């Protein structure tokens, strides 16, 4: 992981067939942390939690655009 970059990530359940339930952006510290909001916490506790980084860049406009695209495509929050 690159510390001075922006990341786009997707959180999936750890069920037999994983489901995406959250798309987020942030820096290295945000990627390492798992607390988000109440809904995220309930889903993670009930179904498990796995984070996948889908994009790394130094240009913040790119991550914001990609986050919006993924939220729409995956129908997440």
N, C-alpha and C. Protein backbone atom coordinates (compact mmCIF):
# COMPACT_ATOMS: atom_id res chain seq x y z
N UNK A 1 0.83 -1.18 0.00
CA UNK A 1 0.00 0.00 0.00
C UNK A 1 0.88 1.24 0.00
N UNK A 2 0.44 2.23 -0.71
CA UNK A 2 1.19 3.47 -0.84
C UNK A 2 0.58 4.49 0.11
N UNK A 3 1.39 5.09 0.99
CA UNK A 3 0.85 5.94 2.05
C UNK A 3 0.34 7.30 1.58
N UNK A 4 0.85 7.87 0.51
CA UNK A 4 0.42 9.19 0.05
C UNK A 4 -0.58 9.11 -1.09
N UNK A 5 -1.40 8.11 -1.09
CA UNK A 5 -2.34 7.91 -2.19
C UNK A 5 -3.76 7.85 -1.68
N UNK A 6 -4.69 7.91 -2.61
CA UNK A 6 -6.11 7.73 -2.34
C UNK A 6 -6.51 6.33 -2.80
N UNK A 7 -7.40 5.73 -2.05
CA UNK A 7 -7.83 4.37 -2.32
C UNK A 7 -9.35 4.32 -2.51
N UNK A 8 -9.79 3.47 -3.40
CA UNK A 8 -11.20 3.11 -3.51
C UNK A 8 -11.28 1.66 -3.08
N UNK A 9 -12.24 1.35 -2.21
CA UNK A 9 -12.35 -0.02 -1.72
C UNK A 9 -13.80 -0.45 -1.68
N UNK A 10 -13.98 -1.77 -1.70
CA UNK A 10 -15.31 -2.36 -1.60
C UNK A 10 -15.28 -3.35 -0.44
N UNK A 11 -16.27 -3.24 0.43
CA UNK A 11 -16.42 -4.20 1.52
C UNK A 11 -17.45 -5.24 1.11
N UNK A 12 -17.06 -6.51 1.29
CA UNK A 12 -17.91 -7.64 0.93
C UNK A 12 -18.22 -8.45 2.18
N UNK A 13 -19.35 -9.14 2.15
CA UNK A 13 -19.63 -10.11 3.20
C UNK A 13 -18.71 -11.31 2.99
N UNK A 14 -18.59 -12.15 4.00
CA UNK A 14 -17.76 -13.36 3.87
C UNK A 14 -18.62 -14.61 3.73
N UNK A 15 -19.81 -14.43 3.21
CA UNK A 15 -20.69 -15.57 2.96
C UNK A 15 -20.13 -16.44 1.84
N UNK A 16 -20.74 -17.60 1.64
CA UNK A 16 -20.29 -18.50 0.57
C UNK A 16 -20.26 -17.76 -0.76
N UNK A 17 -21.28 -16.97 -1.02
CA UNK A 17 -21.30 -16.08 -2.19
C UNK A 17 -21.23 -14.65 -1.64
N UNK A 18 -20.04 -14.05 -1.64
CA UNK A 18 -19.87 -12.72 -1.05
C UNK A 18 -20.73 -11.67 -1.75
N UNK A 19 -21.27 -10.76 -0.94
CA UNK A 19 -22.07 -9.65 -1.47
C UNK A 19 -21.39 -8.33 -1.12
N UNK A 20 -21.28 -7.42 -2.08
CA UNK A 20 -20.74 -6.10 -1.76
C UNK A 20 -21.79 -5.31 -0.97
N UNK A 21 -21.33 -4.63 0.10
CA UNK A 21 -22.29 -3.84 0.87
C UNK A 21 -21.82 -2.43 1.17
N UNK A 22 -20.60 -2.09 0.79
CA UNK A 22 -20.11 -0.73 1.06
C UNK A 22 -18.98 -0.40 0.09
N UNK A 23 -19.03 0.80 -0.47
CA UNK A 23 -17.94 1.32 -1.30
C UNK A 23 -17.44 2.57 -0.61
N UNK A 24 -16.12 2.69 -0.49
CA UNK A 24 -15.57 3.86 0.18
C UNK A 24 -14.28 4.33 -0.46
N UNK A 25 -13.86 5.50 -0.04
CA UNK A 25 -12.58 6.07 -0.47
C UNK A 25 -11.85 6.57 0.77
N UNK A 26 -10.54 6.67 0.65
CA UNK A 26 -9.79 7.21 1.76
C UNK A 26 -8.31 7.01 1.60
N UNK A 27 -7.61 7.41 2.64
CA UNK A 27 -6.16 7.25 2.67
C UNK A 27 -5.81 5.92 3.34
N UNK A 28 -4.55 5.69 3.56
CA UNK A 28 -4.09 4.43 4.13
C UNK A 28 -4.70 4.15 5.50
N UNK A 29 -4.81 5.17 6.34
CA UNK A 29 -5.39 4.98 7.67
C UNK A 29 -6.86 4.58 7.59
N UNK A 30 -7.59 5.16 6.68
CA UNK A 30 -9.01 4.81 6.52
C UNK A 30 -9.16 3.36 6.05
N UNK A 31 -8.27 2.93 5.18
CA UNK A 31 -8.31 1.55 4.69
C UNK A 31 -8.10 0.57 5.83
N UNK A 32 -7.20 0.89 6.74
CA UNK A 32 -6.87 -0.01 7.85
C UNK A 32 -7.98 -0.11 8.88
N UNK A 33 -8.78 0.96 9.04
CA UNK A 33 -9.85 0.97 10.04
C UNK A 33 -11.11 0.33 9.50
N UNK A 34 -11.91 -0.25 10.39
CA UNK A 34 -13.12 -0.92 9.95
C UNK A 34 -14.40 -0.23 10.39
N UNK A 35 -14.33 0.74 11.29
CA UNK A 35 -15.55 1.43 11.73
C UNK A 35 -16.03 2.37 10.64
N UNK A 36 -17.31 2.31 10.32
CA UNK A 36 -17.90 3.21 9.33
C UNK A 36 -19.15 3.82 9.91
N UNK A 37 -20.27 3.14 9.83
CA UNK A 37 -21.53 3.64 10.36
C UNK A 37 -22.30 2.46 10.96
N UNK A 38 -23.46 2.74 11.52
CA UNK A 38 -24.23 1.70 12.19
C UNK A 38 -24.65 0.58 11.25
N UNK A 39 -25.10 0.93 10.06
CA UNK A 39 -25.53 -0.09 9.10
C UNK A 39 -24.35 -0.97 8.69
N UNK A 40 -23.22 -0.37 8.40
CA UNK A 40 -22.00 -1.12 8.05
C UNK A 40 -21.65 -2.09 9.17
N UNK A 41 -21.66 -1.60 10.39
CA UNK A 41 -21.32 -2.44 11.53
C UNK A 41 -22.25 -3.63 11.70
N UNK A 42 -23.55 -3.40 11.53
CA UNK A 42 -24.51 -4.51 11.65
C UNK A 42 -24.29 -5.57 10.58
N UNK A 43 -24.07 -5.13 9.36
CA UNK A 43 -23.84 -6.09 8.27
C UNK A 43 -22.55 -6.86 8.50
N UNK A 44 -21.49 -6.16 8.87
CA UNK A 44 -20.19 -6.80 9.10
C UNK A 44 -20.28 -7.82 10.24
N UNK A 45 -20.98 -7.48 11.31
CA UNK A 45 -21.12 -8.42 12.44
C UNK A 45 -21.95 -9.64 12.05
N UNK A 46 -22.99 -9.44 11.27
CA UNK A 46 -23.89 -10.54 10.93
C UNK A 46 -23.33 -11.46 9.85
N UNK A 47 -22.68 -10.88 8.83
CA UNK A 47 -22.27 -11.67 7.66
C UNK A 47 -20.76 -11.75 7.45
N UNK A 48 -19.98 -11.12 8.32
CA UNK A 48 -18.54 -11.09 8.12
C UNK A 48 -18.15 -9.93 7.23
N UNK A 49 -16.85 -9.73 7.10
CA UNK A 49 -16.38 -8.52 6.44
C UNK A 49 -15.04 -8.77 5.76
N UNK A 50 -14.96 -8.42 4.50
CA UNK A 50 -13.70 -8.52 3.76
C UNK A 50 -13.57 -7.28 2.88
N UNK A 51 -12.42 -6.62 2.94
CA UNK A 51 -12.21 -5.39 2.16
C UNK A 51 -11.28 -5.67 0.98
N UNK A 52 -11.68 -5.16 -0.18
CA UNK A 52 -10.89 -5.29 -1.39
C UNK A 52 -10.59 -3.91 -1.94
N UNK A 53 -9.32 -3.61 -2.14
CA UNK A 53 -8.93 -2.33 -2.74
C UNK A 53 -9.06 -2.48 -4.25
N UNK A 54 -9.80 -1.57 -4.88
CA UNK A 54 -10.05 -1.67 -6.31
C UNK A 54 -9.34 -0.59 -7.11
N UNK A 55 -8.80 0.43 -6.43
CA UNK A 55 -8.10 1.50 -7.14
C UNK A 55 -7.18 2.25 -6.19
N UNK A 56 -5.99 2.59 -6.69
CA UNK A 56 -5.03 3.42 -5.96
C UNK A 56 -4.54 4.49 -6.91
N UNK A 57 -4.58 5.74 -6.47
CA UNK A 57 -4.12 6.84 -7.31
C UNK A 57 -3.72 8.02 -6.43
N UNK A 58 -2.99 8.94 -7.00
CA UNK A 58 -2.65 10.17 -6.29
C UNK A 58 -3.58 11.31 -6.66
N UNK A 59 -4.55 11.06 -7.54
CA UNK A 59 -5.47 12.09 -8.01
C UNK A 59 -6.84 11.86 -7.36
N UNK A 60 -7.22 12.77 -6.45
CA UNK A 60 -8.45 12.54 -5.70
C UNK A 60 -9.72 12.60 -6.56
N UNK A 61 -9.72 13.34 -7.65
CA UNK A 61 -10.90 13.38 -8.52
C UNK A 61 -11.21 12.01 -9.11
N UNK A 62 -10.18 11.22 -9.39
CA UNK A 62 -10.38 9.88 -9.95
C UNK A 62 -11.08 8.97 -8.96
N UNK A 63 -10.69 9.02 -7.69
CA UNK A 63 -11.30 8.11 -6.72
C UNK A 63 -12.75 8.49 -6.46
N UNK A 64 -13.05 9.78 -6.44
CA UNK A 64 -14.44 10.19 -6.21
C UNK A 64 -15.35 9.74 -7.35
N UNK A 65 -14.86 9.87 -8.57
CA UNK A 65 -15.64 9.42 -9.74
C UNK A 65 -15.83 7.91 -9.69
N UNK A 66 -14.77 7.19 -9.39
CA UNK A 66 -14.86 5.72 -9.33
C UNK A 66 -15.78 5.26 -8.20
N UNK A 67 -15.74 5.94 -7.07
CA UNK A 67 -16.62 5.60 -5.96
C UNK A 67 -18.09 5.72 -6.38
N UNK A 68 -18.43 6.81 -7.02
CA UNK A 68 -19.81 7.04 -7.48
C UNK A 68 -20.23 5.95 -8.47
N UNK A 69 -19.33 5.61 -9.40
CA UNK A 69 -19.63 4.56 -10.39
C UNK A 69 -19.88 3.22 -9.71
N UNK A 70 -19.03 2.86 -8.76
CA UNK A 70 -19.16 1.57 -8.08
C UNK A 70 -20.41 1.50 -7.21
N UNK A 71 -20.73 2.59 -6.54
CA UNK A 71 -21.95 2.60 -5.72
C UNK A 71 -23.17 2.32 -6.60
N UNK A 72 -23.22 2.95 -7.76
CA UNK A 72 -24.34 2.74 -8.69
C UNK A 72 -24.33 1.32 -9.25
N UNK A 73 -23.18 0.85 -9.65
CA UNK A 73 -23.07 -0.48 -10.26
C UNK A 73 -23.38 -1.60 -9.26
N UNK A 74 -22.81 -1.50 -8.07
CA UNK A 74 -22.97 -2.55 -7.06
C UNK A 74 -24.20 -2.37 -6.19
N UNK A 75 -24.87 -1.21 -6.34
CA UNK A 75 -26.07 -0.90 -5.56
C UNK A 75 -25.80 -0.97 -4.06
N UNK A 76 -24.73 -0.29 -3.66
CA UNK A 76 -24.34 -0.24 -2.26
C UNK A 76 -24.56 1.16 -1.71
N UNK A 77 -24.13 1.39 -0.50
CA UNK A 77 -24.20 2.71 0.12
C UNK A 77 -22.92 3.46 -0.19
